[in-house]
Each structure stands twice: as C-alpha cells, then as structure tokens.
C-alpha atoms as a PDB file:
ATOM      1  CA  UNK A   1      36.700  45.814  70.213  1.00  0.00           C
ATOM      2  CA  UNK A   2      39.927  47.265  68.984  1.00  0.00           C
ATOM      3  CA  UNK A   3      39.124  50.832  68.073  1.00  0.00           C
ATOM      4  CA  UNK A   4      41.464  53.497  66.761  1.00  0.00           C
ATOM      5  CA  UNK A   5      41.261  57.100  67.830  1.00  0.00           C
ATOM      6  CA  UNK A   6      39.184  59.187  65.487  1.00  0.00           C
ATOM      7  CA  UNK A   7      38.176  62.802  65.100  1.00  0.00           C
ATOM      8  CA  UNK A   8      41.405  64.192  66.518  1.00  0.00           C
ATOM      9  CA  UNK A   9      42.103  67.761  65.397  1.00  0.00           C
ATOM     10  CA  UNK A  10      45.578  68.481  64.164  1.00  0.00           C
ATOM     11  CA  UNK A  11      47.157  71.671  62.967  1.00  0.00           C
ATOM     12  CA  UNK A  12      47.456  72.056  59.208  1.00  0.00           C
ATOM     13  CA  UNK A  13      50.979  72.113  57.917  1.00  0.00           C
ATOM     14  CA  UNK A  14      52.662  71.928  54.540  1.00  0.00           C
ATOM     15  CA  UNK A  15      52.981  68.156  54.992  1.00  0.00           C
ATOM     16  CA  UNK A  16      49.203  67.553  55.167  1.00  0.00           C
ATOM     17  CA  UNK A  17      47.990  70.400  52.951  1.00  0.00           C
ATOM     18  CA  UNK A  18      47.043  68.855  49.542  1.00  0.00           C
ATOM     19  CA  UNK A  19      47.323  72.272  47.894  1.00  0.00           C
ATOM     20  CA  UNK A  20      50.906  72.896  49.094  1.00  0.00           C
ATOM     21  CA  UNK A  21      53.736  72.768  46.566  1.00  0.00           C
ATOM     22  CA  UNK A  22      57.242  71.593  47.020  1.00  0.00           C
ATOM     23  CA  UNK A  23      60.150  74.051  46.619  1.00  0.00           C
ATOM     24  CA  UNK A  24      60.670  72.761  43.100  1.00  0.00           C
ATOM     25  CA  UNK A  25      57.122  73.764  42.190  1.00  0.00           C
ATOM     26  CA  UNK A  26      55.801  70.196  41.879  1.00  0.00           C
ATOM     27  CA  UNK A  27      52.199  70.000  43.119  1.00  0.00           C
ATOM     28  CA  UNK A  28      51.447  67.498  45.867  1.00  0.00           C
ATOM     29  CA  UNK A  29      48.829  64.856  45.279  1.00  0.00           C
ATOM     30  CA  UNK A  30      45.735  65.161  47.462  1.00  0.00           C
ATOM     31  CA  UNK A  31      45.338  62.268  49.900  1.00  0.00           C
ATOM     32  CA  UNK A  32      42.641  59.790  48.991  1.00  0.00           C
ATOM     33  CA  UNK A  33      39.387  59.995  50.980  1.00  0.00           C
ATOM     34  CA  UNK A  34      38.066  56.553  51.874  1.00  0.00           C
ATOM     35  CA  UNK A  35      34.383  56.277  52.724  1.00  0.00           C
ATOM     36  CA  UNK A  36      33.022  53.166  54.488  1.00  0.00           C
ATOM     37  CA  UNK A  37      31.046  50.887  52.208  1.00  0.00           C
ATOM     38  CA  UNK A  38      27.401  50.088  52.904  1.00  0.00           C
ATOM     39  CA  UNK A  39      26.955  46.792  54.676  1.00  0.00           C
ATOM     40  CA  UNK A  40      25.834  44.935  51.544  1.00  0.00           C
ATOM     41  CA  UNK A  41      28.857  46.155  49.578  1.00  0.00           C
ATOM     42  CA  UNK A  42      31.260  45.280  52.400  1.00  0.00           C
ATOM     43  CA  UNK A  43      30.000  41.733  52.397  1.00  0.00           C
ATOM     44  CA  UNK A  44      30.159  41.548  48.584  1.00  0.00           C
ATOM     45  CA  UNK A  45      33.784  42.592  48.846  1.00  0.00           C
ATOM     46  CA  UNK A  46      34.368  39.640  51.203  1.00  0.00           C
ATOM     47  CA  UNK A  47      32.878  37.141  48.737  1.00  0.00           C
ATOM     48  CA  UNK A  48      35.240  34.253  47.976  1.00  0.00           C
ATOM     49  CA  UNK A  49      35.032  30.963  46.083  1.00  0.00           C
ATOM     50  CA  UNK A  50      32.869  28.500  47.967  1.00  0.00           C
ATOM     51  CA  UNK A  51      35.957  26.412  48.750  1.00  0.00           C
ATOM     52  CA  UNK A  52      37.256  29.251  50.975  1.00  0.00           C
ATOM     53  CA  UNK A  53      33.947  29.986  52.727  1.00  0.00           C
ATOM     54  CA  UNK A  54      31.743  27.843  54.971  1.00  0.00           C
ATOM     55  CA  UNK A  55      28.311  29.120  55.990  1.00  0.00           C
ATOM     56  CA  UNK A  56      27.446  28.723  59.658  1.00  0.00           C
ATOM     57  CA  UNK A  57      24.102  29.231  61.405  1.00  0.00           C
ATOM     58  CA  UNK A  58      21.461  31.302  59.641  1.00  0.00           C
ATOM     59  CA  UNK A  59      23.600  34.311  58.578  1.00  0.00           C
ATOM     60  CA  UNK A  60      27.173  33.547  59.670  1.00  0.00           C
ATOM     61  CA  UNK A  61      30.241  32.212  57.961  1.00  0.00           C
ATOM     62  CA  UNK A  62      33.913  31.367  58.308  1.00  0.00           C
ATOM     63  CA  UNK A  63      36.178  32.445  55.443  1.00  0.00           C
ATOM     64  CA  UNK A  64      39.814  31.399  55.071  1.00  0.00           C
ATOM     65  CA  UNK A  65      41.614  34.620  54.262  1.00  0.00           C
ATOM     66  CA  UNK A  66      45.240  33.512  54.259  1.00  0.00           C
ATOM     67  CA  UNK A  67      47.393  30.448  55.003  1.00  0.00           C
ATOM     68  CA  UNK A  68      51.114  30.061  55.521  1.00  0.00           C
ATOM     69  CA  UNK A  69      53.110  26.874  55.791  1.00  0.00           C
ATOM     70  CA  UNK A  70      51.453  23.450  55.866  1.00  0.00           C
ATOM     71  CA  UNK A  71      52.428  19.859  56.643  1.00  0.00           C
ATOM     72  CA  UNK A  72      55.887  20.339  55.121  1.00  0.00           C
ATOM     73  CA  UNK A  73      56.535  23.452  57.241  1.00  0.00           C
ATOM     74  CA  UNK A  74      56.064  21.211  60.286  1.00  0.00           C
ATOM     75  CA  UNK A  75      58.415  18.591  58.902  1.00  0.00           C
ATOM     76  CA  UNK A  76      61.101  21.132  58.017  1.00  0.00           C
ATOM     77  CA  UNK A  77      60.851  22.815  61.441  1.00  0.00           C
ATOM     78  CA  UNK A  78      61.162  19.480  63.232  1.00  0.00           C
ATOM     79  CA  UNK A  79      64.202  18.320  61.219  1.00  0.00           C
ATOM     80  CA  UNK A  80      66.115  21.609  61.243  1.00  0.00           C
ATOM     81  CA  UNK A  81      67.694  20.512  64.557  1.00  0.00           C
ATOM     82  CA  UNK A  82      69.689  17.962  62.476  1.00  0.00           C
ATOM     83  CA  UNK A  83      70.127  20.197  59.473  1.00  0.00           C
ATOM     84  CA  UNK A  84      67.751  17.968  57.495  1.00  0.00           C
ATOM     85  CA  UNK A  85      64.504  18.361  55.538  1.00  0.00           C
ATOM     86  CA  UNK A  86      62.023  16.151  53.745  1.00  0.00           C
ATOM     87  CA  UNK A  87      62.757  12.411  53.530  1.00  0.00           C
ATOM     88  CA  UNK A  88      59.824  11.498  51.337  1.00  0.00           C
ATOM     89  CA  UNK A  89      56.111  11.351  52.016  1.00  0.00           C
ATOM     90  CA  UNK A  90      56.017   8.126  53.996  1.00  0.00           C
ATOM     91  CA  UNK A  91      58.741   9.136  56.434  1.00  0.00           C
ATOM     92  CA  UNK A  92      57.459  12.750  56.668  1.00  0.00           C
ATOM     93  CA  UNK A  93      54.003  11.542  57.583  1.00  0.00           C
ATOM     94  CA  UNK A  94      55.457   9.215  60.177  1.00  0.00           C
ATOM     95  CA  UNK A  95      57.331  12.156  61.663  1.00  0.00           C
ATOM     96  CA  UNK A  96      54.149  14.217  62.004  1.00  0.00           C
ATOM     97  CA  UNK A  97      52.451  11.222  63.576  1.00  0.00           C
ATOM     98  CA  UNK A  98      55.313  10.891  66.065  1.00  0.00           C
ATOM     99  CA  UNK A  99      55.251  14.606  66.965  1.00  0.00           C
ATOM    100  CA  UNK A 100      51.475  14.518  67.598  1.00  0.00           C
ATOM    101  CA  UNK A 101      51.574  11.258  69.549  1.00  0.00           C
ATOM    102  CA  UNK A 102      54.323  12.491  71.852  1.00  0.00           C
ATOM    103  CA  UNK A 103      52.966  16.058  72.162  1.00  0.00           C
ATOM    104  CA  UNK A 104      55.942  17.837  70.574  1.00  0.00           C
ATOM    105  CA  UNK A 105      53.946  20.944  69.696  1.00  0.00           C
ATOM    106  CA  UNK A 106      56.471  23.610  68.649  1.00  0.00           C
ATOM    107  CA  UNK A 107      56.899  22.532  64.997  1.00  0.00           C
ATOM    108  CA  UNK A 108      53.154  22.909  64.457  1.00  0.00           C
ATOM    109  CA  UNK A 109      53.474  26.621  65.228  1.00  0.00           C
ATOM    110  CA  UNK A 110      55.157  27.092  61.832  1.00  0.00           C
ATOM    111  CA  UNK A 111      51.827  26.945  59.955  1.00  0.00           C
ATOM    112  CA  UNK A 112      49.450  29.904  60.271  1.00  0.00           C
ATOM    113  CA  UNK A 113      45.752  30.350  59.399  1.00  0.00           C
ATOM    114  CA  UNK A 114      43.867  33.689  59.136  1.00  0.00           C
ATOM    115  CA  UNK A 115      40.085  33.660  59.156  1.00  0.00           C
ATOM    116  CA  UNK A 116      37.301  36.175  58.634  1.00  0.00           C
ATOM    117  CA  UNK A 117      34.335  35.261  60.809  1.00  0.00           C
ATOM    118  CA  UNK A 118      30.748  36.476  61.001  1.00  0.00           C
ATOM    119  CA  UNK A 119      29.071  35.257  64.165  1.00  0.00           C
ATOM    120  CA  UNK A 120      26.591  36.352  66.839  1.00  0.00           C
ATOM    121  CA  UNK A 121      28.093  38.544  69.571  1.00  0.00           C
ATOM    122  CA  UNK A 122      27.580  35.869  72.245  1.00  0.00           C
ATOM    123  CA  UNK A 123      29.612  33.412  70.116  1.00  0.00           C
ATOM    124  CA  UNK A 124      32.348  36.014  69.612  1.00  0.00           C
ATOM    125  CA  UNK A 125      32.602  36.665  73.382  1.00  0.00           C
ATOM    126  CA  UNK A 126      33.141  32.966  74.041  1.00  0.00           C
ATOM    127  CA  UNK A 127      35.597  32.833  71.147  1.00  0.00           C
ATOM    128  CA  UNK A 128      37.751  35.722  72.413  1.00  0.00           C
ATOM    129  CA  UNK A 129      38.336  33.938  75.706  1.00  0.00           C
ATOM    130  CA  UNK A 130      40.902  31.897  73.776  1.00  0.00           C
ATOM    131  CA  UNK A 131      43.930  34.164  74.194  1.00  0.00           C
ATOM    132  CA  UNK A 132      46.055  32.093  71.803  1.00  0.00           C
ATOM    133  CA  UNK A 133      44.705  33.935  68.754  1.00  0.00           C
ATOM    134  CA  UNK A 134      45.108  37.478  67.375  1.00  0.00           C
ATOM    135  CA  UNK A 135      41.799  39.286  66.914  1.00  0.00           C
ATOM    136  CA  UNK A 136      40.445  42.429  65.308  1.00  0.00           C
ATOM    137  CA  UNK A 137      36.699  43.101  65.340  1.00  0.00           C
ATOM    138  CA  UNK A 138      34.367  45.432  63.459  1.00  0.00           C
ATOM    139  CA  UNK A 139      33.614  48.589  65.437  1.00  0.00           C
ATOM    140  CA  UNK A 140      29.995  49.691  65.814  1.00  0.00           C
ATOM    141  CA  UNK A 141      31.304  53.091  66.923  1.00  0.00           C
ATOM    142  CA  UNK A 142      32.418  53.578  63.295  1.00  0.00           C
ATOM    143  CA  UNK A 143      29.678  51.784  61.323  1.00  0.00           C
ATOM    144  CA  UNK A 144      25.950  51.424  61.783  1.00  0.00           C
ATOM    145  CA  UNK A 145      24.688  48.066  62.944  1.00  0.00           C
ATOM    146  CA  UNK A 146      22.794  46.170  60.234  1.00  0.00           C
ATOM    147  CA  UNK A 147      19.487  44.427  60.933  1.00  0.00           C
ATOM    148  CA  UNK A 148      21.002  40.947  61.237  1.00  0.00           C
ATOM    149  CA  UNK A 149      20.274  38.773  64.300  1.00  0.00           C
ATOM    150  CA  UNK A 150      20.640  35.070  65.033  1.00  0.00           C
ATOM    151  CA  UNK A 151      17.383  33.136  65.303  1.00  0.00           C
ATOM    152  CA  UNK A 152      17.877  29.462  66.328  1.00  0.00           C
ATOM    153  CA  UNK A 153      16.060  26.806  64.370  1.00  0.00           C
ATOM    154  CA  UNK A 154      15.073  24.924  67.520  1.00  0.00           C
ATOM    155  CA  UNK A 155      14.723  25.864  71.199  1.00  0.00           C
ATOM    156  CA  UNK A 156      16.828  24.139  73.851  1.00  0.00           C
ATOM    157  CA  UNK A 157      16.099  23.589  77.533  1.00  0.00           C
ATOM    158  CA  UNK A 158      18.447  24.148  80.439  1.00  0.00           C
ATOM    159  CA  UNK A 159      20.513  21.114  81.424  1.00  0.00           C
ATOM    160  CA  UNK A 160      19.651  20.223  84.998  1.00  0.00           C
ATOM    161  CA  UNK A 161      23.023  18.590  85.623  1.00  0.00           C
ATOM    162  CA  UNK A 162      25.322  21.117  83.938  1.00  0.00           C
ATOM    163  CA  UNK A 163      24.619  24.749  84.752  1.00  0.00           C
ATOM    164  CA  UNK A 164      26.319  26.042  81.571  1.00  0.00           C
ATOM    165  CA  UNK A 165      24.793  23.577  79.121  1.00  0.00           C
ATOM    166  CA  UNK A 166      21.506  22.980  77.354  1.00  0.00           C
ATOM    167  CA  UNK A 167      19.602  19.932  76.179  1.00  0.00           C
ATOM    168  CA  UNK A 168      17.159  19.270  73.387  1.00  0.00           C
ATOM    169  CA  UNK A 169      14.065  19.592  75.623  1.00  0.00           C
ATOM    170  CA  UNK A 170      10.504  18.446  75.053  1.00  0.00           C
ATOM    171  CA  UNK A 171       9.169  21.418  73.136  1.00  0.00           C
ATOM    172  CA  UNK A 172       6.298  20.966  70.743  1.00  0.00           C
ATOM    173  CA  UNK A 173       6.363  22.391  67.213  1.00  0.00           C
ATOM    174  CA  UNK A 174       4.002  25.108  68.374  1.00  0.00           C
ATOM    175  CA  UNK A 175       6.373  26.007  71.218  1.00  0.00           C
ATOM    176  CA  UNK A 176       9.324  26.144  68.841  1.00  0.00           C
ATOM    177  CA  UNK A 177       7.394  28.528  66.574  1.00  0.00           C
ATOM    178  CA  UNK A 178       6.303  30.645  69.530  1.00  0.00           C
ATOM    179  CA  UNK A 179       9.816  30.842  70.884  1.00  0.00           C
ATOM    180  CA  UNK A 180      11.212  31.969  67.552  1.00  0.00           C
ATOM    181  CA  UNK A 181       8.483  34.564  67.251  1.00  0.00           C
ATOM    182  CA  UNK A 182       9.287  35.982  70.693  1.00  0.00           C
ATOM    183  CA  UNK A 183      12.984  36.197  69.832  1.00  0.00           C
ATOM    184  CA  UNK A 184      12.271  37.924  66.517  1.00  0.00           C
ATOM    185  CA  UNK A 185       9.872  40.327  68.202  1.00  0.00           C
ATOM    186  CA  UNK A 186      12.481  41.293  70.772  1.00  0.00           C
ATOM    187  CA  UNK A 187      15.096  41.864  68.029  1.00  0.00           C
ATOM    188  CA  UNK A 188      12.699  44.111  66.057  1.00  0.00           C
ATOM    189  CA  UNK A 189      11.934  46.184  69.197  1.00  0.00           C
ATOM    190  CA  UNK A 190      15.623  46.642  70.099  1.00  0.00           C
ATOM    191  CA  UNK A 191      16.637  47.537  66.554  1.00  0.00           C
ATOM    192  CA  UNK A 192      13.769  50.022  66.280  1.00  0.00           C
ATOM    193  CA  UNK A 193      14.909  51.751  69.472  1.00  0.00           C
ATOM    194  CA  UNK A 194      18.491  51.804  68.094  1.00  0.00           C
ATOM    195  CA  UNK A 195      17.267  53.458  64.880  1.00  0.00           C
ATOM    196  CA  UNK A 196      15.219  56.004  66.852  1.00  0.00           C
ATOM    197  CA  UNK A 197      18.244  56.939  68.960  1.00  0.00           C
ATOM    198  CA  UNK A 198      20.326  57.471  65.842  1.00  0.00           C
ATOM    199  CA  UNK A 199      17.585  59.596  64.293  1.00  0.00           C
ATOM    200  CA  UNK A 200      17.643  61.767  67.402  1.00  0.00           C
ATOM    201  CA  UNK A 201      21.346  62.393  66.838  1.00  0.00           C
ATOM    202  CA  UNK A 202      22.629  60.051  69.527  1.00  0.00           C
ATOM    203  CA  UNK A 203      26.135  58.787  68.813  1.00  0.00           C
ATOM    204  CA  UNK A 204      26.534  55.277  67.435  1.00  0.00           C
ATOM    205  CA  UNK A 205      28.753  54.332  70.374  1.00  0.00           C
ATOM    206  CA  UNK A 206      25.909  55.070  72.766  1.00  0.00           C
ATOM    207  CA  UNK A 207      22.900  54.013  70.730  1.00  0.00           C
ATOM    208  CA  UNK A 208      24.317  50.481  70.374  1.00  0.00           C
ATOM    209  CA  UNK A 209      23.842  49.764  74.119  1.00  0.00           C
ATOM    210  CA  UNK A 210      20.225  48.746  73.459  1.00  0.00           C
ATOM    211  CA  UNK A 211      21.192  45.979  71.074  1.00  0.00           C
ATOM    212  CA  UNK A 212      21.135  42.283  72.156  1.00  0.00           C
ATOM    213  CA  UNK A 213      23.973  39.734  72.097  1.00  0.00           C
ATOM    214  CA  UNK A 214      22.168  37.871  69.284  1.00  0.00           C
ATOM    215  CA  UNK A 215      23.225  40.513  66.746  1.00  0.00           C
ATOM    216  CA  UNK A 216      25.943  39.535  64.277  1.00  0.00           C
ATOM    217  CA  UNK A 217      29.479  40.899  64.461  1.00  0.00           C
ATOM    218  CA  UNK A 218      32.541  40.294  62.245  1.00  0.00           C
ATOM    219  CA  UNK A 219      36.183  39.836  63.090  1.00  0.00           C
ATOM    220  CA  UNK A 220      39.495  38.564  61.807  1.00  0.00           C
ATOM    221  CA  UNK A 221      41.442  35.967  63.765  1.00  0.00           C
ATOM    222  CA  UNK A 222      44.841  34.384  63.149  1.00  0.00           C
ATOM    223  CA  UNK A 223      46.083  31.149  64.720  1.00  0.00           C
ATOM    224  CA  UNK A 224      49.136  29.007  64.284  1.00  0.00           C
ATOM    225  CA  UNK A 225      48.210  25.331  63.803  1.00  0.00           C
ATOM    226  CA  UNK A 226      49.062  24.434  67.393  1.00  0.00           C
ATOM    227  CA  UNK A 227      46.723  27.060  68.768  1.00  0.00           C
ATOM    228  CA  UNK A 228      44.049  26.175  66.205  1.00  0.00           C
ATOM    229  CA  UNK A 229      44.124  22.550  67.341  1.00  0.00           C
ATOM    230  CA  UNK A 230      43.652  23.654  70.941  1.00  0.00           C
ATOM    231  CA  UNK A 231      40.629  25.768  69.963  1.00  0.00           C
ATOM    232  CA  UNK A 232      39.116  22.920  67.942  1.00  0.00           C
ATOM    233  CA  UNK A 233      39.694  20.380  70.713  1.00  0.00           C
ATOM    234  CA  UNK A 234      37.932  22.552  73.300  1.00  0.00           C
ATOM    235  CA  UNK A 235      35.112  23.969  71.188  1.00  0.00           C
ATOM    236  CA  UNK A 236      34.057  20.721  69.483  1.00  0.00           C
ATOM    237  CA  UNK A 237      33.794  19.008  72.859  1.00  0.00           C
ATOM    238  CA  UNK A 238      30.487  18.014  74.451  1.00  0.00           C
ATOM    239  CA  UNK A 239      30.661  20.913  76.944  1.00  0.00           C
ATOM    240  CA  UNK A 240      30.809  23.566  74.162  1.00  0.00           C
ATOM    241  CA  UNK A 241      27.661  25.518  73.244  1.00  0.00           C
ATOM    242  CA  UNK A 242      26.244  24.158  70.009  1.00  0.00           C
ATOM    243  CA  UNK A 243      26.543  27.475  68.126  1.00  0.00           C
ATOM    244  CA  UNK A 244      30.289  27.883  68.716  1.00  0.00           C
ATOM    245  CA  UNK A 245      30.778  24.185  68.118  1.00  0.00           C
ATOM    246  CA  UNK A 246      29.521  24.662  64.562  1.00  0.00           C
ATOM    247  CA  UNK A 247      32.127  27.373  64.012  1.00  0.00           C
ATOM    248  CA  UNK A 248      34.828  25.141  65.455  1.00  0.00           C
ATOM    249  CA  UNK A 249      33.802  22.367  63.074  1.00  0.00           C
ATOM    250  CA  UNK A 250      34.129  24.830  60.176  1.00  0.00           C
ATOM    251  CA  UNK A 251      37.675  25.701  61.300  1.00  0.00           C
ATOM    252  CA  UNK A 252      38.433  22.011  61.583  1.00  0.00           C
ATOM    253  CA  UNK A 253      37.336  21.484  57.982  1.00  0.00           C
ATOM    254  CA  UNK A 254      39.693  24.197  56.707  1.00  0.00           C
ATOM    255  CA  UNK A 255      42.425  22.659  58.836  1.00  0.00           C
ATOM    256  CA  UNK A 256      41.749  19.215  57.321  1.00  0.00           C
ATOM    257  CA  UNK A 257      41.865  20.613  53.793  1.00  0.00           C
ATOM    258  CA  UNK A 258      45.130  22.547  54.185  1.00  0.00           C
ATOM    259  CA  UNK A 259      47.061  20.193  56.476  1.00  0.00           C
ATOM    260  CA  UNK A 260      45.687  16.678  55.884  1.00  0.00           C
ATOM    261  CA  UNK A 261      48.662  14.807  57.415  1.00  0.00           C
ATOM    262  CA  UNK A 262      48.557  16.870  60.552  1.00  0.00           C
ATOM    263  CA  UNK A 263      44.767  16.725  60.798  1.00  0.00           C
ATOM    264  CA  UNK A 264      44.819  12.943  60.499  1.00  0.00           C
ATOM    265  CA  UNK A 265      47.260  12.620  63.397  1.00  0.00           C
ATOM    266  CA  UNK A 266      45.344  15.236  65.377  1.00  0.00           C
ATOM    267  CA  UNK A 267      42.086  13.328  64.940  1.00  0.00           C
ATOM    268  CA  UNK A 268      43.740  10.044  65.946  1.00  0.00           C
ATOM    269  CA  UNK A 269      45.680  11.137  68.989  1.00  0.00           C
ATOM    270  CA  UNK A 270      43.906  14.257  70.272  1.00  0.00           C
ATOM    271  CA  UNK A 271      40.243  14.289  69.263  1.00  0.00           C
ATOM    272  CA  UNK A 272      39.776  10.561  69.772  1.00  0.00           C
ATOM    273  CA  UNK A 273      41.357  10.887  73.242  1.00  0.00           C
ATOM    274  CA  UNK A 274      39.043  13.772  74.104  1.00  0.00           C
ATOM    275  CA  UNK A 275      36.004  11.736  73.062  1.00  0.00           C
ATOM    276  CA  UNK A 276      36.968   8.977  75.475  1.00  0.00           C
ATOM    277  CA  UNK A 277      37.615  11.347  78.377  1.00  0.00           C
END
C-alpha cells in the first residue's frame, strides 16, 4: 500500500499559524481540517451512473473514473509520422485493424483509462503483479477496516493437473452451504479479534494483521489501452482465477464501450488467438 507519512511534528511558524497576520494587517485564513468519512459515506461519494459502474462478486465493483483519448487518438498518433490525421471512418477503422494485426502497439498507448476498484485482497495482490499500471490503494493504517468479506457462491476443488487452478468439483448442496458457513464463521472470528484489539488501544496498523485475504480493499488504477489489453488478455484466459477473471471482464466491457473499433480488432486478432493457443 502506498502510505504517506503522518503524525510528524513540525515547529509552528508564521506560515502555518492560522492566527498570524500579514504585515499589512490582513488576517490569514485558517487551513481547512479534513476528517475521513465513514465507510458508508465514502462509498456514497463514489456512486456513479450505472453506465460507469459494474458490480463484481458479492460486494465488489469496477468504476470508470476517467478516460482520455479513444479510437481517434490511436489513428492520429499512427498518422502523425506522415503529418496526417483522420481519413474517414472506413479508412480509420482499417488502420486500427492493421495496427492490431501487425502488433504495432505504440499508438494504442495514447488512450488512457482510470478505474476505481473494490475487490478482495487476494484479487488485488494478483492484480498488482501487473507492473504496467499505476496503482494507489486504501490504507488500513489510516482508516478502520469495515466488516466486508468475500463469500463465494460455490466451492471449487483443487485441479489435480494444474497446481494453481481449481475445478468445479463434486460438492453437494449441503457441502456448499457448509463451506460457506465455515468461511463466514472464520471471517466473524477474525473481525471480532480485530475489533477487540482496537478497543484495547492497539494501533490500526498492527490490529489489521489478524484479518484474512478475503476482506475487501479499494484502489485506483490507470492503464493506457495497450497495457489494458495485455491485462485483459492474461486475466480472461483459462489459467486465471475465476474471481480476477470477472474483474478483467468488467474492464473489457468498459474498453469495448469507449474504444469499439480497437476492441473489435483486439477481439479478432488477440483474444481469438489466445483462445486457440
């Protein structure tokens, strides 16, 4: 987690004294004091039109925060070498198709997506292995962890052929229910110990060590379109864990909506190729 230094003591000078006055007698304005919002208010502040937010898993989401460029940004970047721009939709789409087919990736870096993501910690840790994005995550040194944990709808069994994968398994409905109950029981116990530690006066940064990787975290991530395509290609593949695959599919949907020409070429020449591999 990226965490700023806090609590540092500094000497009080005229510059940071809200009661100080300038030589001309004009009173300085007191600096604003910003208090962190409660969890429910923080999430309300993040609320966006449904078109900009996709719900994932039981409590997670992906929200498109900002977008720069688009299909035409790719076209303009590719044609700047010749001092040219758009040549009409048909020829511009053919250009994007050509760039994707022949793996000319640089022009796709001219479009940028910024997302706000809420996901379980174990998904975030897999996600952050992709060094092509810029990340900033909520700090549970600064804010108290809320009682939000991921509970899967269905259990999965270990894949006997692939050590890092799972399969559907032959669980009965009773076993699914029992498994969910065990997971929820473990979450309640861990969160109760966390609350007890806080009540004792233990610092948030230390009390959090008892919490499991199924708890939800939030972060911002920015990708250019080239990097985003790489993430989608890898994390929608068969080898990806199903939970992060659902997040990758949500990113792919935003990509399709904002850059339809590029997404069409990407699906044809990259995703289709990956499916056959």
